[in-house]
């Protein structure tokens, strides 16, 4: 709802952020009332709140001024990394809730908590745009705001009472948004998704959020419980204040900090299988997979390279599984249950299993394409029958080999071996020597003549 500029405060020689309401929206805003409401938010002075420095109007365009914060937005970090380490999730939530607790106690509700409004600077999270949504609401009027099609909030993070347009939306809407924020930081995706904005809003109203622990291995059960309670549909079922929620996060800080002595809360975090046990299980699973592939090769007539490809994939997967097992065991011992960054993100159980499934799916897709080309008679998989060169059970005549060696029996031997080999094919019929002699006799030729 604003155009954002980096500007220079000439008097004090510092950078500031200037946010100007767009012209098509500013016309419906009462500038004096907007400025008056912004003054209420400007009284907030807290380490995790970006303060409002000034507000006013330039002609018909209302604006407000905030300090320029060095760093990045949480949205930028999520776009780059996806899910965050569990320890980082808890730390950021703790600082956001500290800011919300202070603001709520001073009568200010944010109404638009989302990754875009959380800035990360010097390893701390600060919340921006406090009170702006309410100022716009009061300066515009609910009816006029609805008429202009502007929602007070962002669909992915809006509480059901906001979506329903209830007149008395209070600080518990921010608690709901914190739950959606925590869900996205832990899983890399919002709790409710849809093809359209209306579908997302409907999901907030009617669907239960999935469990964070089912989407990401190693998430403490306590964090999952916090998220689920924040995302309760009824405000009365949520945490009633940010202050009520903060102690639960303080307990989680100890369990998600590397080197902490507190035992993790999830069963998966307490114990990881030994790499030797993993190798034995992988070996048994590999034998079962190879047996199944061999059976398919024999019964469906798949090419031999399918079986060979399965062996290659399993041999390549063994070191990956062993490295993953070792790293997971080490992370469990250190109390670090977050998804690591960089290349180490590939060595988690979920990523390793996904990689194996994708590899075998690619082999299956390649095999399907080969068999399809064979059936259609095109491409490298085509056979003489499928390409139309031969019809099923065509009679094939094996000509006598021209023996140019000193072994007089070699030509006959090679001819017989080739005839025996081709006779195994269900697609063709190889003429026996007696049948060849009969044809030569009908041709009034010597039945013992060499067939060249």
Protein backbone atom coordinates (compact mmCIF):
# COMPACT_ATOMS: atom_id res chain seq x y z
CA UNK A 1 0.00 0.00 0.00
CA UNK A 2 2.95 2.34 -0.37
CA UNK A 3 5.83 3.36 -2.61
CA UNK A 4 9.11 2.96 -0.74
CA UNK A 5 12.17 5.17 -1.27
CA UNK A 6 15.57 5.44 0.35
CA UNK A 7 16.05 9.15 1.09
CA UNK A 8 18.58 11.40 2.82
CA UNK A 9 17.78 13.42 5.90
CA UNK A 10 19.82 16.47 4.85
CA UNK A 11 19.70 18.14 8.25
CA UNK A 12 21.09 15.15 10.16
CA UNK A 13 23.05 13.57 7.31
CA UNK A 14 21.51 10.11 7.55
CA UNK A 15 19.61 7.70 5.36
CA UNK A 16 15.92 7.25 5.99
CA UNK A 17 13.09 5.30 4.37
CA UNK A 18 10.26 7.34 2.90
CA UNK A 19 6.96 5.53 2.35
CA UNK A 20 4.42 7.37 0.20
CA UNK A 21 0.85 6.18 -0.30
CA UNK A 22 0.08 5.70 -4.01
CA UNK A 23 -2.08 8.37 -5.62
CA UNK A 24 -4.98 6.05 -6.43
CA UNK A 25 -5.21 5.07 -2.76
CA UNK A 26 -4.26 8.36 -1.15
CA UNK A 27 -7.41 10.04 -2.44
CA UNK A 28 -9.52 7.98 -0.03
CA UNK A 29 -7.33 8.74 3.01
CA UNK A 30 -8.02 11.54 5.45
CA UNK A 31 -4.50 12.96 5.73
CA UNK A 32 -4.97 14.65 9.10
CA UNK A 33 -6.50 11.58 10.67
CA UNK A 34 -3.80 9.34 9.19
CA UNK A 35 -1.10 11.60 10.63
CA UNK A 36 -2.82 11.59 14.01
CA UNK A 37 -3.02 7.80 14.13
CA UNK A 38 0.60 7.45 13.04
CA UNK A 39 1.63 9.61 16.00
CA UNK A 40 0.25 6.89 18.31
CA UNK A 41 2.53 4.30 16.72
CA UNK A 42 5.43 6.77 16.80
CA UNK A 43 5.40 6.62 20.60
CA UNK A 44 6.60 3.02 20.52
CA UNK A 45 10.24 2.85 21.60
CA UNK A 46 11.55 -0.71 21.68
CA UNK A 47 14.77 -2.43 20.51
CA UNK A 48 12.86 -4.72 18.13
CA UNK A 49 10.53 -2.08 16.68
CA UNK A 50 11.53 0.19 13.81
CA UNK A 51 10.33 3.62 15.02
CA UNK A 52 8.32 6.11 13.02
CA UNK A 53 10.27 9.35 12.67
CA UNK A 54 7.72 11.58 10.98
CA UNK A 55 4.45 11.64 9.06
CA UNK A 56 2.79 14.23 6.91
CA UNK A 57 1.38 15.03 3.47
CA UNK A 58 2.97 16.42 0.34
CA UNK A 59 0.01 17.90 -1.50
CA UNK A 60 -2.53 15.08 -1.50
CA UNK A 61 0.02 12.34 -0.88
CA UNK A 62 0.33 11.15 2.75
CA UNK A 63 3.73 9.77 3.73
CA UNK A 64 5.66 8.58 6.75
CA UNK A 65 9.37 8.32 7.49
CA UNK A 66 11.33 5.52 9.19
CA UNK A 67 15.03 4.90 9.82
CA UNK A 68 16.99 3.06 7.14
CA UNK A 69 17.89 -0.41 8.48
CA UNK A 70 21.07 -2.08 7.22
CA UNK A 71 20.56 -5.77 6.50
CA UNK A 72 17.86 -7.78 4.79
CA UNK A 73 14.22 -8.62 5.20
CA UNK A 74 13.15 -11.99 6.49
CA UNK A 75 11.37 -12.44 3.16
CA UNK A 76 14.68 -12.12 1.31
CA UNK A 77 16.31 -14.69 3.54
CA UNK A 78 13.44 -17.16 3.16
CA UNK A 79 13.53 -16.69 -0.61
CA UNK A 80 17.24 -17.54 -0.60
CA UNK A 81 17.37 -20.33 2.00
CA UNK A 82 13.83 -21.72 2.22
CA UNK A 83 13.42 -23.15 5.70
CA UNK A 84 15.60 -21.76 8.49
CA UNK A 85 17.48 -23.60 11.25
CA UNK A 86 15.17 -24.35 14.17
CA UNK A 87 17.33 -22.30 16.51
CA UNK A 88 17.00 -19.29 14.20
CA UNK A 89 13.23 -19.78 13.98
CA UNK A 90 12.91 -19.72 17.76
CA UNK A 91 15.23 -16.73 18.17
CA UNK A 92 13.42 -14.62 15.55
CA UNK A 93 10.01 -15.55 16.98
CA UNK A 94 11.21 -14.60 20.46
CA UNK A 95 12.27 -11.13 19.31
CA UNK A 96 9.13 -10.54 17.23
CA UNK A 97 6.93 -11.55 20.17
CA UNK A 98 8.90 -9.26 22.48
CA UNK A 99 8.09 -6.38 20.15
CA UNK A 100 4.42 -7.43 19.92
CA UNK A 101 4.10 -7.74 23.69
CA UNK A 102 5.38 -4.17 24.12
CA UNK A 103 3.15 -2.78 21.38
CA UNK A 104 0.05 -4.61 22.57
CA UNK A 105 0.54 -3.31 26.10
CA UNK A 106 0.60 0.19 24.62
CA UNK A 107 -2.60 -0.36 22.68
CA UNK A 108 -1.06 -0.81 19.22
CA UNK A 109 -1.93 -3.84 17.05
CA UNK A 110 0.22 -4.48 13.97
CA UNK A 111 -2.36 -6.34 11.81
CA UNK A 112 0.18 -7.19 9.09
CA UNK A 113 2.89 -9.39 10.60
CA UNK A 114 4.70 -11.12 7.72
CA UNK A 115 8.30 -11.80 6.57
CA UNK A 116 8.34 -8.58 4.50
CA UNK A 117 7.78 -6.49 7.67
CA UNK A 118 10.56 -8.17 9.67
CA UNK A 119 14.09 -6.90 9.05
CA UNK A 120 17.22 -8.77 10.06
CA UNK A 121 20.12 -6.59 11.13
CA UNK A 122 23.20 -7.43 13.19
CA UNK A 123 21.75 -10.86 14.13
CA UNK A 124 18.56 -9.27 15.47
CA UNK A 125 15.02 -9.06 14.15
CA UNK A 126 13.13 -5.77 14.12
CA UNK A 127 9.50 -5.26 13.15
CA UNK A 128 8.53 -2.42 10.86
CA UNK A 129 5.25 -0.68 9.92
CA UNK A 130 3.75 -0.91 13.41
CA UNK A 131 0.37 0.75 13.56
CA UNK A 132 0.28 1.66 9.86
CA UNK A 133 -2.52 -0.77 9.00
CA UNK A 134 -4.71 0.59 11.80
CA UNK A 135 -3.88 4.16 10.82
CA UNK A 136 -4.97 3.44 7.26
CA UNK A 137 -8.14 1.75 8.49
CA UNK A 138 -9.14 4.64 10.76
CA UNK A 139 -8.17 7.29 8.21
CA UNK A 140 -10.12 5.61 5.44
CA UNK A 141 -13.13 3.95 7.00
CA UNK A 142 -14.02 0.28 6.76
CA UNK A 143 -16.70 0.71 4.13
CA UNK A 144 -14.55 2.90 1.93
CA UNK A 145 -11.61 0.56 2.35
CA UNK A 146 -13.65 -2.42 1.23
CA UNK A 147 -14.95 -0.47 -1.72
CA UNK A 148 -11.43 0.22 -2.92
CA UNK A 149 -10.61 -3.47 -2.70
CA UNK A 150 -7.71 -3.09 -0.27
CA UNK A 151 -7.41 -5.65 2.49
CA UNK A 152 -5.96 -4.79 5.88
CA UNK A 153 -3.38 -7.54 5.90
CA UNK A 154 -1.71 -10.09 3.65
CA UNK A 155 -3.79 -13.18 2.70
CA UNK A 156 -1.15 -15.76 3.69
CA UNK A 157 -1.01 -14.40 7.27
CA UNK A 158 -4.52 -13.07 7.95
CA UNK A 159 -6.52 -14.37 10.89
CA UNK A 160 -10.04 -15.69 10.18
CA UNK A 161 -11.60 -12.72 12.02
CA UNK A 162 -9.70 -10.31 9.76
CA UNK A 163 -10.89 -12.17 6.67
CA UNK A 164 -14.46 -12.15 7.94
CA UNK A 165 -14.36 -8.39 8.44
CA UNK A 166 -15.21 -8.53 12.13
CA UNK A 167 -15.24 -5.02 13.64
CA UNK A 168 -13.36 -5.84 16.83
CA UNK A 169 -10.14 -7.43 15.56
CA UNK A 170 -7.64 -7.27 18.43
CA UNK A 171 -4.07 -8.25 19.25
CA UNK A 172 -4.86 -11.97 18.90
CA UNK A 173 -4.85 -11.48 15.11
CA UNK A 174 -1.13 -10.75 15.47
CA UNK A 175 -0.72 -14.01 17.43
CA UNK A 176 -2.31 -15.88 14.49
CA UNK A 177 0.06 -14.17 12.06
CA UNK A 178 3.00 -15.19 14.27
CA UNK A 179 1.88 -18.82 13.89
CA UNK A 180 1.81 -18.49 10.10
CA UNK A 181 5.20 -16.79 10.23
CA UNK A 182 6.70 -19.57 12.38
CA UNK A 183 5.24 -22.23 10.08
CA UNK A 184 6.85 -20.62 7.02
CA UNK A 185 10.24 -20.17 8.70
CA UNK A 186 10.27 -23.83 9.78
CA UNK A 187 9.00 -25.40 6.54
CA UNK A 188 9.77 -22.85 3.82
CA UNK A 189 6.09 -22.51 2.90
CA UNK A 190 3.00 -20.81 4.36
CA UNK A 191 0.50 -23.00 6.22
CA UNK A 192 -2.27 -22.42 3.69
CA UNK A 193 -1.80 -22.26 -0.07
CA UNK A 194 -4.11 -21.98 -3.05
CA UNK A 195 -4.24 -21.08 -6.71
CA UNK A 196 -6.08 -17.82 -5.99
CA UNK A 197 -6.29 -15.32 -3.16
CA UNK A 198 -9.86 -16.44 -2.50
CA UNK A 199 -8.69 -20.05 -2.12
CA UNK A 200 -6.05 -19.01 0.42
CA UNK A 201 -8.55 -16.98 2.43
CA UNK A 202 -11.05 -19.85 2.36
CA UNK A 203 -8.37 -22.22 3.65
CA UNK A 204 -7.68 -19.91 6.60
CA UNK A 205 -11.37 -20.01 7.44
CA UNK A 206 -12.05 -23.74 7.02
CA UNK A 207 -8.91 -25.90 6.96
CA UNK A 208 -6.70 -27.11 9.79
CA UNK A 209 -2.99 -26.38 9.33
CA UNK A 210 -0.71 -29.40 8.76
CA UNK A 211 1.71 -30.41 11.48
CA UNK A 212 5.14 -28.80 11.14
CA UNK A 213 6.76 -31.98 12.51
CA UNK A 214 5.29 -34.06 9.67
CA UNK A 215 6.73 -31.71 7.05
CA UNK A 216 10.19 -31.41 8.56
CA UNK A 217 12.06 -34.02 10.54
CA UNK A 218 13.65 -32.88 13.77
CA UNK A 219 11.27 -30.04 14.62
CA UNK A 220 10.68 -30.10 18.39
CA UNK A 221 7.18 -31.16 19.37
CA UNK A 222 6.96 -28.08 21.59
CA UNK A 223 7.48 -25.77 18.59
CA UNK A 224 4.86 -27.66 16.59
CA UNK A 225 2.42 -27.28 19.50
CA UNK A 226 3.10 -23.54 19.71
CA UNK A 227 2.42 -23.09 16.00
CA UNK A 228 -0.80 -25.12 16.09
CA UNK A 229 -2.18 -23.12 19.02
CA UNK A 230 -1.28 -19.80 17.36
CA UNK A 231 -3.19 -20.90 14.25
CA UNK A 232 -6.39 -21.80 16.07
CA UNK A 233 -9.45 -20.53 14.19
CA UNK A 234 -11.11 -19.01 17.26
CA UNK A 235 -9.20 -16.18 18.96
CA UNK A 236 -10.18 -17.61 22.38
CA UNK A 237 -8.34 -20.85 21.57
CA UNK A 238 -5.03 -19.13 20.81
CA UNK A 239 -2.40 -17.79 23.15
CA UNK A 240 -4.14 -14.78 24.59
CA UNK A 241 -1.08 -12.53 24.81
CA UNK A 242 2.43 -12.46 23.43
CA UNK A 243 3.72 -12.40 27.02
CA UNK A 244 1.96 -15.73 27.67
CA UNK A 245 3.78 -17.30 24.74
CA UNK A 246 7.30 -15.98 25.40
CA UNK A 247 8.18 -18.40 28.31
CA UNK A 248 7.49 -21.39 26.05
CA UNK A 249 9.93 -20.00 23.52
CA UNK A 250 12.49 -19.34 26.23
CA UNK A 251 12.37 -23.05 27.10
CA UNK A 252 12.85 -23.93 23.44
CA UNK A 253 15.92 -21.69 23.17
CA UNK A 254 17.83 -24.12 25.40
CA UNK A 255 16.73 -27.20 23.46
CA UNK A 256 17.59 -25.75 20.03
CA UNK A 257 20.97 -24.20 20.87
CA UNK A 258 23.97 -26.34 19.76
CA UNK A 259 25.85 -27.75 22.75
CA UNK A 260 22.90 -27.43 25.13
CA UNK A 261 22.49 -30.25 27.63
CA UNK A 262 18.69 -30.30 27.49
CA UNK A 263 17.38 -33.46 25.85
CA UNK A 264 15.44 -32.73 22.62
CA UNK A 265 11.71 -33.27 22.81
CA UNK A 266 11.09 -35.33 19.65
CA UNK A 267 11.79 -39.09 19.58
CA UNK A 268 13.74 -38.74 16.32
CA UNK A 269 16.04 -36.23 17.97
CA UNK A 270 16.84 -38.49 20.91
CA UNK A 271 18.37 -41.29 18.91
CA UNK A 272 19.77 -41.71 15.43
CA UNK A 273 20.61 -45.17 13.97
CA UNK A 274 24.26 -46.18 13.87
CA UNK A 275 25.87 -45.97 10.38
CA UNK A 276 26.64 -49.73 10.46
CA UNK A 277 23.00 -50.51 11.07
CA UNK A 278 22.06 -48.15 8.27
CA UNK A 279 24.49 -49.95 5.92
CA UNK A 280 22.96 -53.36 6.75
CA UNK A 281 19.41 -52.09 6.20
CA UNK A 282 20.48 -50.42 2.96
CA UNK A 283 22.12 -53.67 1.77
CA UNK A 284 18.99 -55.72 2.46
CA UNK A 285 16.80 -53.13 0.76
CA UNK A 286 19.18 -53.11 -2.22
CA UNK A 287 18.91 -56.89 -2.60
CA UNK A 288 15.12 -56.65 -2.56
CA UNK A 289 15.17 -53.86 -5.16
CA UNK A 290 17.58 -55.76 -7.43
CA UNK A 291 15.47 -58.92 -7.17
CA UNK A 292 12.39 -56.98 -8.19
CA UNK A 293 14.20 -55.30 -11.11
CA UNK A 294 15.61 -58.66 -12.28
CA UNK A 295 12.13 -60.18 -12.22
CA UNK A 296 10.78 -57.27 -14.29
CA UNK A 297 13.62 -57.65 -16.80
CA UNK A 298 12.87 -61.35 -17.21
CA UNK A 299 9.06 -61.15 -17.33
CA UNK A 300 8.58 -57.92 -19.29
CA UNK A 301 11.55 -58.25 -21.59
CA UNK A 302 13.21 -55.06 -20.36
CA UNK A 303 16.72 -54.38 -21.69
CA UNK A 304 19.64 -55.62 -19.62
CA UNK A 305 20.87 -52.08 -18.95
CA UNK A 306 17.88 -51.50 -16.65
CA UNK A 307 19.29 -54.02 -14.17
CA UNK A 308 22.77 -52.59 -14.60
CA UNK A 309 21.44 -49.05 -14.05
CA UNK A 310 19.77 -50.13 -10.80
CA UNK A 311 23.11 -51.54 -9.58
CA UNK A 312 24.88 -48.26 -10.42
CA UNK A 313 22.26 -46.18 -8.56
CA UNK A 314 22.44 -48.36 -5.45
CA UNK A 315 26.25 -48.36 -5.42
CA UNK A 316 26.23 -44.53 -5.74
CA UNK A 317 23.59 -44.25 -3.01
CA UNK A 318 25.50 -46.24 -0.40
CA UNK A 319 28.13 -43.56 0.42
CA UNK A 320 25.44 -40.87 0.41
CA UNK A 321 23.38 -42.82 2.92
CA UNK A 322 26.41 -43.47 5.12
CA UNK A 323 27.49 -39.80 5.10
CA UNK A 324 23.90 -38.74 5.86
CA UNK A 325 23.70 -41.19 8.76
CA UNK A 326 26.98 -39.93 10.20
CA UNK A 327 25.97 -36.26 9.91
CA UNK A 328 22.52 -36.84 11.37
CA UNK A 329 24.02 -38.71 14.30
CA UNK A 330 26.48 -35.88 14.91
CA UNK A 331 23.79 -33.21 14.69
CA UNK A 332 21.63 -35.18 17.15
CA UNK A 333 24.55 -35.34 19.56
CA UNK A 334 25.08 -31.57 19.22
CA UNK A 335 21.40 -30.80 19.69
CA UNK A 336 21.21 -29.15 16.25
CA UNK A 337 18.01 -30.31 14.56
CA UNK A 338 17.73 -27.58 11.95
CA UNK A 339 18.27 -28.09 8.26
CA UNK A 340 21.91 -27.16 7.58
CA UNK A 341 22.90 -24.61 4.96
CA UNK A 342 24.91 -25.01 1.76
CA UNK A 343 25.82 -28.45 0.43
CA UNK A 344 25.20 -29.95 3.85
CA UNK A 345 21.48 -29.43 3.25
CA UNK A 346 21.67 -32.40 0.85
CA UNK A 347 22.78 -34.75 3.63
CA UNK A 348 19.54 -35.07 5.58
CA UNK A 349 17.31 -38.14 5.65
CA UNK A 350 14.53 -36.38 3.79
CA UNK A 351 16.81 -35.06 1.02
CA UNK A 352 18.66 -38.40 0.67
CA UNK A 353 15.44 -40.39 0.38
CA UNK A 354 14.01 -37.85 -2.05
CA UNK A 355 17.18 -38.10 -4.15
CA UNK A 356 16.94 -41.90 -4.29
CA UNK A 357 13.27 -41.78 -5.28
CA UNK A 358 14.01 -39.21 -7.99
CA UNK A 359 16.94 -41.28 -9.34
CA UNK A 360 14.88 -44.47 -9.64
CA UNK A 361 11.95 -42.49 -11.06
CA UNK A 362 14.31 -41.19 -13.76
CA UNK A 363 15.44 -44.76 -14.50
CA UNK A 364 11.80 -45.88 -14.71
CA UNK A 365 10.96 -42.95 -17.00
CA UNK A 366 13.92 -43.76 -19.26
CA UNK A 367 12.89 -47.41 -19.38
CA UNK A 368 9.29 -46.47 -20.15
CA UNK A 369 10.44 -44.24 -23.01
CA UNK A 370 12.66 -47.01 -24.39
CA UNK A 371 9.87 -49.61 -24.21
CA UNK A 372 7.41 -47.19 -25.77
CA UNK A 373 9.77 -46.53 -28.70
CA UNK A 374 10.19 -50.30 -29.04
CA UNK A 375 6.43 -50.85 -29.18
CA UNK A 376 5.96 -48.02 -31.71
CA UNK A 377 8.86 -49.15 -33.85
CA UNK A 378 10.73 -45.85 -33.69
CA UNK A 379 13.97 -44.73 -32.13
CA UNK A 380 16.73 -46.86 -30.61
CA UNK A 381 14.28 -49.22 -28.93
CA UNK A 382 12.64 -50.34 -32.18
CA UNK A 383 12.87 -54.02 -33.15
CA UNK A 384 12.63 -55.56 -36.61
CA UNK A 385 9.09 -56.69 -35.81
CA UNK A 386 7.86 -53.39 -34.30
CA UNK A 387 9.48 -51.44 -37.17
CA UNK A 388 7.58 -53.57 -39.70
CA UNK A 389 10.65 -55.17 -41.25
CA UNK A 390 9.44 -58.57 -40.05
CA UNK A 391 5.99 -59.83 -39.28
CA UNK A 392 5.42 -62.04 -36.22
CA UNK A 393 6.67 -65.60 -36.74
CA UNK A 394 8.28 -64.75 -40.05
CA UNK A 395 10.36 -67.65 -41.38
CA UNK A 396 14.06 -66.81 -41.39
CA UNK A 397 16.63 -68.59 -43.54
CA UNK A 398 20.18 -68.80 -42.18
CA UNK A 399 22.67 -68.81 -45.04
CA UNK A 400 25.81 -70.94 -44.71
CA UNK A 401 28.87 -69.09 -43.47
CA UNK A 402 31.75 -68.79 -45.91
CA UNK A 403 34.55 -70.61 -44.14
CA UNK A 404 37.92 -69.02 -44.95
CA UNK A 405 39.85 -70.78 -42.21
CA UNK A 406 41.83 -73.99 -42.22
CA UNK A 407 39.21 -75.66 -39.99
CA UNK A 408 36.69 -77.19 -42.38
CA UNK A 409 34.05 -77.71 -39.68
CA UNK A 410 34.08 -74.14 -38.37
CA UNK A 411 31.59 -72.72 -40.91
CA UNK A 412 28.97 -75.40 -40.19
CA UNK A 413 29.49 -75.03 -36.44
CA UNK A 414 29.00 -71.26 -36.49
CA UNK A 415 25.88 -71.59 -38.66
CA UNK A 416 24.34 -74.10 -36.25
CA UNK A 417 25.16 -71.97 -33.22
CA UNK A 418 23.49 -68.93 -34.80
CA UNK A 419 20.44 -70.99 -35.77
CA UNK A 420 20.09 -72.33 -32.21
CA UNK A 421 20.40 -68.85 -30.73
CA UNK A 422 17.82 -67.29 -33.06
CA UNK A 423 15.44 -70.20 -32.46
CA UNK A 424 14.98 -68.92 -28.89
CA UNK A 425 13.15 -65.82 -30.20
CA UNK A 426 9.34 -65.90 -29.90
CA UNK A 427 9.07 -63.43 -32.78
CA UNK A 428 10.58 -65.40 -35.67
CA UNK A 429 10.74 -69.00 -36.93
CA UNK A 430 14.12 -70.31 -38.09
CA UNK A 431 14.04 -72.86 -40.93
CA UNK A 432 15.61 -76.19 -40.05
CA UNK A 433 18.23 -77.77 -42.39
CA UNK A 434 15.68 -80.41 -43.45
CA UNK A 435 13.23 -77.68 -44.48
CA UNK A 436 15.96 -75.96 -46.47
CA UNK A 437 16.79 -79.23 -48.25
CA UNK A 438 13.11 -79.76 -49.12
CA UNK A 439 12.88 -76.30 -50.69
CA UNK A 440 16.07 -76.94 -52.72
CA UNK A 441 14.59 -80.23 -53.87
CA UNK A 442 11.42 -78.49 -55.10
CA UNK A 443 13.66 -76.05 -56.93
CA UNK A 444 15.29 -79.07 -58.60
CA UNK A 445 18.58 -78.20 -56.96
CA UNK A 446 20.98 -80.40 -55.08
CA UNK A 447 19.55 -80.66 -51.51
CA UNK A 448 23.09 -80.51 -50.13
CA UNK A 449 23.96 -77.26 -51.93
CA UNK A 450 25.45 -74.48 -49.83
CA UNK A 451 22.96 -71.64 -49.38
CA UNK A 452 24.85 -68.47 -50.14
